[in-house]
Amino acid sequence: MDGFVDPYVDPATGILRNRVGARTRAELDRAEGDLSFAAMIELRQGPMAPRTTTTTGG
């Protein structure tokens, strides 16, 4: 598969594109751990309200 470019990988860093701005695998791993820990604490505090979306139609 020569010439295949994965749209989910940043060609400059070789890691997955991400919303936390991580540029190395270590940074991405750290952010994943931090976000997972924060979510775990939030869940321990009680049930979360469901997320809803609204659409305006035409």
PDB file of N, CA and C in Angstrom:
ATOM      1  N   MET A   1       0.834  -1.192   0.000  1.00  0.00           N
ATOM      2  CA  MET A   1       0.000   0.000   0.000  1.00  0.00           C
ATOM      3  C   MET A   1       0.869   1.241   0.000  1.00  0.00           C
ATOM      4  N   ASP A   2       1.660   1.369  -0.972  1.00  0.00           N
ATOM      5  CA  ASP A   2       2.510   2.553  -1.082  1.00  0.00           C
ATOM      6  C   ASP A   2       1.654   3.790  -1.289  1.00  0.00           C
ATOM      7  N   GLY A   3       2.040   4.866  -0.650  1.00  0.00           N
ATOM      8  CA  GLY A   3       1.356   6.132  -0.813  1.00  0.00           C
ATOM      9  C   GLY A   3       0.153   6.330   0.092  1.00  0.00           C
ATOM     10  N   PHE A   4      -0.174   5.344   0.922  1.00  0.00           N
ATOM     11  CA  PHE A   4      -1.313   5.493   1.824  1.00  0.00           C
ATOM     12  C   PHE A   4      -0.978   6.501   2.909  1.00  0.00           C
ATOM     13  N   VAL A   5      -1.872   7.450   3.112  1.00  0.00           N
ATOM     14  CA  VAL A   5      -1.709   8.445   4.171  1.00  0.00           C
ATOM     15  C   VAL A   5      -2.885   8.297   5.124  1.00  0.00           C
ATOM     16  N   ASP A   6      -2.589   7.971   6.363  1.00  0.00           N
ATOM     17  CA  ASP A   6      -3.636   7.817   7.371  1.00  0.00           C
ATOM     18  C   ASP A   6      -4.094   9.203   7.810  1.00  0.00           C
ATOM     19  N   PRO A   7      -5.352   9.562   7.574  1.00  0.00           N
ATOM     20  CA  PRO A   7      -5.823  10.899   7.921  1.00  0.00           C
ATOM     21  C   PRO A   7      -5.898  11.150   9.426  1.00  0.00           C
ATOM     22  N   TYR A   8      -5.787  10.092  10.226  1.00  0.00           N
ATOM     23  CA  TYR A   8      -5.869  10.239  11.679  1.00  0.00           C
ATOM     24  C   TYR A   8      -4.503  10.386  12.343  1.00  0.00           C
ATOM     25  N   VAL A   9      -3.449  10.301  11.554  1.00  0.00           N
ATOM     26  CA  VAL A   9      -2.093  10.410  12.086  1.00  0.00           C
ATOM     27  C   VAL A   9      -1.476  11.723  11.621  1.00  0.00           C
ATOM     28  N   ASP A  10      -0.889  12.454  12.542  1.00  0.00           N
ATOM     29  CA  ASP A  10      -0.187  13.692  12.215  1.00  0.00           C
ATOM     30  C   ASP A  10       1.127  13.318  11.538  1.00  0.00           C
ATOM     31  N   PRO A  11       1.318  13.708  10.284  1.00  0.00           N
ATOM     32  CA  PRO A  11       2.541  13.312   9.587  1.00  0.00           C
ATOM     33  C   PRO A  11       3.810  13.904  10.199  1.00  0.00           C
ATOM     34  N   ALA A  12       3.691  15.017  10.906  1.00  0.00           N
ATOM     35  CA  ALA A  12       4.865  15.646  11.509  1.00  0.00           C
ATOM     36  C   ALA A  12       5.346  14.897  12.751  1.00  0.00           C
ATOM     37  N   THR A  13       4.407  14.266  13.475  1.00  0.00           N
ATOM     38  CA  THR A  13       4.775  13.606  14.728  1.00  0.00           C
ATOM     39  C   THR A  13       4.654  12.092  14.674  1.00  0.00           C
ATOM     40  N   GLY A  14       3.799  11.596  13.790  1.00  0.00           N
ATOM     41  CA  GLY A  14       3.569  10.161  13.709  1.00  0.00           C
ATOM     42  C   GLY A  14       2.604   9.638  14.753  1.00  0.00           C
ATOM     43  N   ILE A  15       1.958  10.539  15.525  1.00  0.00           N
ATOM     44  CA  ILE A  15       0.976  10.092  16.517  1.00  0.00           C
ATOM     45  C   ILE A  15      -0.414  10.522  16.068  1.00  0.00           C
ATOM     46  N   LEU A  16      -1.416   9.950  16.713  1.00  0.00           N
ATOM     47  CA  LEU A  16      -2.786  10.287  16.365  1.00  0.00           C
ATOM     48  C   LEU A  16      -3.055  11.769  16.579  1.00  0.00           C
ATOM     49  N   ARG A  17      -3.830  12.332  15.668  1.00  0.00           N
ATOM     50  CA  ARG A  17      -4.277  13.711  15.860  1.00  0.00           C
ATOM     51  C   ARG A  17      -5.123  13.727  17.126  1.00  0.00           C
ATOM     52  N   ASN A  18      -5.046  14.807  17.888  1.00  0.00           N
ATOM     53  CA  ASN A  18      -5.744  14.818  19.167  1.00  0.00           C
ATOM     54  C   ASN A  18      -6.146  16.230  19.543  1.00  0.00           C
ATOM     55  N   ARG A  19      -7.054  16.317  20.468  1.00  0.00           N
ATOM     56  CA  ARG A  19      -7.585  17.616  20.906  1.00  0.00           C
ATOM     57  C   ARG A  19      -6.811  18.229  22.057  1.00  0.00           C
ATOM     58  N   VAL A  20      -5.846  17.504  22.595  1.00  0.00           N
ATOM     59  CA  VAL A  20      -5.111  18.015  23.753  1.00  0.00           C
ATOM     60  C   VAL A  20      -3.793  18.665  23.363  1.00  0.00           C
ATOM     61  N   GLY A  21      -3.458  18.626  22.088  1.00  0.00           N
ATOM     62  CA  GLY A  21      -2.229  19.261  21.630  1.00  0.00           C
ATOM     63  C   GLY A  21      -0.975  18.447  21.865  1.00  0.00           C
ATOM     64  N   ALA A  22      -1.136  17.159  22.161  1.00  0.00           N
ATOM     65  CA  ALA A  22       0.030  16.301  22.408  1.00  0.00           C
ATOM     66  C   ALA A  22       0.830  16.122  21.122  1.00  0.00           C
ATOM     67  N   ARG A  23       2.152  16.265  21.239  1.00  0.00           N
ATOM     68  CA  ARG A  23       3.028  16.121  20.077  1.00  0.00           C
ATOM     69  C   ARG A  23       3.932  14.896  20.176  1.00  0.00           C
ATOM     70  N   THR A  24       3.916  14.218  21.316  1.00  0.00           N
ATOM     71  CA  THR A  24       4.694  12.988  21.486  1.00  0.00           C
ATOM     72  C   THR A  24       3.780  11.914  22.063  1.00  0.00           C
ATOM     73  N   ARG A  25       4.212  10.675  21.925  1.00  0.00           N
ATOM     74  CA  ARG A  25       3.433   9.562  22.474  1.00  0.00           C
ATOM     75  C   ARG A  25       3.317   9.693  23.995  1.00  0.00           C
ATOM     76  N   ALA A  26       4.390  10.128  24.639  1.00  0.00           N
ATOM     77  CA  ALA A  26       4.366  10.290  26.097  1.00  0.00           C
ATOM     78  C   ALA A  26       3.344  11.351  26.515  1.00  0.00           C
ATOM     79  N   GLU A  27       3.288  12.462  25.787  1.00  0.00           N
ATOM     80  CA  GLU A  27       2.313  13.513  26.100  1.00  0.00           C
ATOM     81  C   GLU A  27       0.890  13.000  25.906  1.00  0.00           C
ATOM     82  N   LEU A  28       0.669  12.242  24.839  1.00  0.00           N
ATOM     83  CA  LEU A  28      -0.657  11.701  24.571  1.00  0.00           C
ATOM     84  C   LEU A  28      -1.054  10.689  25.640  1.00  0.00           C
ATOM     85  N   ASP A  29      -0.125   9.836  26.036  1.00  0.00           N
ATOM     86  CA  ASP A  29      -0.396   8.869  27.104  1.00  0.00           C
ATOM     87  C   ASP A  29      -0.734   9.577  28.412  1.00  0.00           C
ATOM     88  N   ARG A  30       0.007  10.628  28.727  1.00  0.00           N
ATOM     89  CA  ARG A  30      -0.227  11.382  29.965  1.00  0.00           C
ATOM     90  C   ARG A  30      -1.606  12.043  29.950  1.00  0.00           C
ATOM     91  N   ALA A  31      -1.955  12.658  28.824  1.00  0.00           N
ATOM     92  CA  ALA A  31      -3.256  13.313  28.710  1.00  0.00           C
ATOM     93  C   ALA A  31      -4.386  12.299  28.834  1.00  0.00           C
ATOM     94  N   GLU A  32      -4.219  11.136  28.222  1.00  0.00           N
ATOM     95  CA  GLU A  32      -5.237  10.094  28.315  1.00  0.00           C
ATOM     96  C   GLU A  32      -5.436   9.664  29.770  1.00  0.00           C
ATOM     97  N   GLY A  33      -4.349   9.483  30.486  1.00  0.00           N
ATOM     98  CA  GLY A  33      -4.440   9.108  31.893  1.00  0.00           C
ATOM     99  C   GLY A  33      -5.103  10.184  32.729  1.00  0.00           C
ATOM    100  N   ASP A  34      -4.715  11.434  32.507  1.00  0.00           N
ATOM    101  CA  ASP A  34      -5.297  12.546  33.261  1.00  0.00           C
ATOM    102  C   ASP A  34      -6.797  12.667  33.005  1.00  0.00           C
ATOM    103  N   LEU A  35      -7.200  12.566  31.735  1.00  0.00           N
ATOM    104  CA  LEU A  35      -8.614  12.697  31.394  1.00  0.00           C
ATOM    105  C   LEU A  35      -9.429  11.519  31.929  1.00  0.00           C
ATOM    106  N   SER A  36      -8.862  10.337  31.878  1.00  0.00           N
ATOM    107  CA  SER A  36      -9.550   9.157  32.419  1.00  0.00           C
ATOM    108  C   SER A  36      -9.727   9.284  33.927  1.00  0.00           C
ATOM    109  N   PHE A  37      -8.696   9.759  34.613  1.00  0.00           N
ATOM    110  CA  PHE A  37      -8.767   9.941  36.063  1.00  0.00           C
ATOM    111  C   PHE A  37      -9.831  10.977  36.421  1.00  0.00           C
ATOM    112  N   ALA A  38      -9.874  12.082  35.682  1.00  0.00           N
ATOM    113  CA  ALA A  38     -10.874  13.117  35.942  1.00  0.00           C
ATOM    114  C   ALA A  38     -12.283  12.573  35.730  1.00  0.00           C
ATOM    115  N   ALA A  39     -12.479  11.767  34.692  1.00  0.00           N
ATOM    116  CA  ALA A  39     -13.794  11.182  34.429  1.00  0.00           C
ATOM    117  C   ALA A  39     -14.179  10.210  35.535  1.00  0.00           C
ATOM    118  N   MET A  40     -13.211   9.442  36.034  1.00  0.00           N
ATOM    119  CA  MET A  40     -13.480   8.494  37.103  1.00  0.00           C
ATOM    120  C   MET A  40     -13.943   9.229  38.366  1.00  0.00           C
ATOM    121  N   ILE A  41     -13.284  10.324  38.701  1.00  0.00           N
ATOM    122  CA  ILE A  41     -13.675  11.111  39.876  1.00  0.00           C
ATOM    123  C   ILE A  41     -15.079  11.676  39.688  1.00  0.00           C
ATOM    124  N   GLU A  42     -15.355  12.172  38.499  1.00  0.00           N
ATOM    125  CA  GLU A  42     -16.680  12.722  38.220  1.00  0.00           C
ATOM    126  C   GLU A  42     -17.758  11.644  38.373  1.00  0.00           C
ATOM    127  N   LEU A  43     -17.487  10.445  37.894  1.00  0.00           N
ATOM    128  CA  LEU A  43     -18.456   9.354  38.017  1.00  0.00           C
ATOM    129  C   LEU A  43     -18.663   8.935  39.464  1.00  0.00           C
ATOM    130  N   ARG A  44     -17.619   8.992  40.273  1.00  0.00           N
ATOM    131  CA  ARG A  44     -17.739   8.609  41.686  1.00  0.00           C
ATOM    132  C   ARG A  44     -18.601   9.602  42.462  1.00  0.00           C
ATOM    133  N   GLN A  45     -18.740  10.822  41.955  1.00  0.00           N
ATOM    134  CA  GLN A  45     -19.532  11.841  42.634  1.00  0.00           C
ATOM    135  C   GLN A  45     -21.027  11.637  42.422  1.00  0.00           C
ATOM    136  N   GLY A  46     -21.401  10.792  41.511  1.00  0.00           N
ATOM    137  CA  GLY A  46     -22.814  10.510  41.276  1.00  0.00           C
ATOM    138  C   GLY A  46     -23.109  10.405  39.798  1.00  0.00           C
ATOM    139  N   PRO A  47     -24.349  10.053  39.492  1.00  0.00           N
ATOM    140  CA  PRO A  47     -24.723   9.889  38.092  1.00  0.00           C
ATOM    141  C   PRO A  47     -24.590  11.193  37.312  1.00  0.00           C
ATOM    142  N   MET A  48     -24.225  11.050  36.091  1.00  0.00           N
ATOM    143  CA  MET A  48     -24.093  12.216  35.225  1.00  0.00           C
ATOM    144  C   MET A  48     -25.408  12.456  34.496  1.00  0.00           C
ATOM    145  N   ALA A  49     -25.697  13.701  34.218  1.00  0.00           N
ATOM    146  CA  ALA A  49     -26.883  14.030  33.439  1.00  0.00           C
ATOM    147  C   ALA A  49     -26.647  13.599  31.991  1.00  0.00           C
ATOM    148  N   PRO A  50     -27.676  13.089  31.334  1.00  0.00           N
ATOM    149  CA  PRO A  50     -27.489  12.673  29.943  1.00  0.00           C
ATOM    150  C   PRO A  50     -27.212  13.874  29.048  1.00  0.00           C
ATOM    151  N   ARG A  51     -26.394  13.638  28.059  1.00  0.00           N
ATOM    152  CA  ARG A  51     -26.131  14.685  27.073  1.00  0.00           C
ATOM    153  C   ARG A  51     -27.224  14.621  26.019  1.00  0.00           C
ATOM    154  N   THR A  52     -27.730  15.770  25.660  1.00  0.00           N
ATOM    155  CA  THR A  52     -28.761  15.806  24.629  1.00  0.00           C
ATOM    156  C   THR A  52     -28.340  16.765  23.543  1.00  0.00           C
ATOM    157  N   THR A  53     -28.843  16.523  22.382  1.00  0.00           N
ATOM    158  CA  THR A  53     -28.592  17.435  21.271  1.00  0.00           C
ATOM    159  C   THR A  53     -29.928  17.860  20.708  1.00  0.00           C
ATOM    160  N   THR A  54     -29.953  19.052  20.237  1.00  0.00           N
ATOM    161  CA  THR A  54     -31.164  19.541  19.598  1.00  0.00           C
ATOM    162  C   THR A  54     -30.825  19.910  18.173  1.00  0.00           C
ATOM    163  N   THR A  55     -31.772  19.731  17.329  1.00  0.00           N
ATOM    164  CA  THR A  55     -31.572  20.109  15.935  1.00  0.00           C
ATOM    165  C   THR A  55     -32.658  21.078  15.541  1.00  0.00           C
ATOM    166  N   THR A  56     -32.282  22.017  14.755  1.00  0.00           N
ATOM    167  CA  THR A  56     -33.269  22.919  14.185  1.00  0.00           C
ATOM    168  C   THR A  56     -33.429  22.501  12.743  1.00  0.00           C
ATOM    169  N   GLY A  57     -34.607  22.338  12.353  1.00  0.00           N
ATOM    170  CA  GLY A  57     -34.838  21.733  11.047  1.00  0.00           C
ATOM    171  C   GLY A  57     -35.317  22.702   9.996  1.00  0.00           C
ATOM    172  N   GLY A  58     -35.333  22.152   8.877  1.00  0.00           N
ATOM    173  CA  GLY A  58     -35.805  22.916   7.735  1.00  0.00           C
ATOM    174  C   GLY A  58     -36.499  22.028   6.775  1.00  0.00           C
TER     175      GLY A  58
END
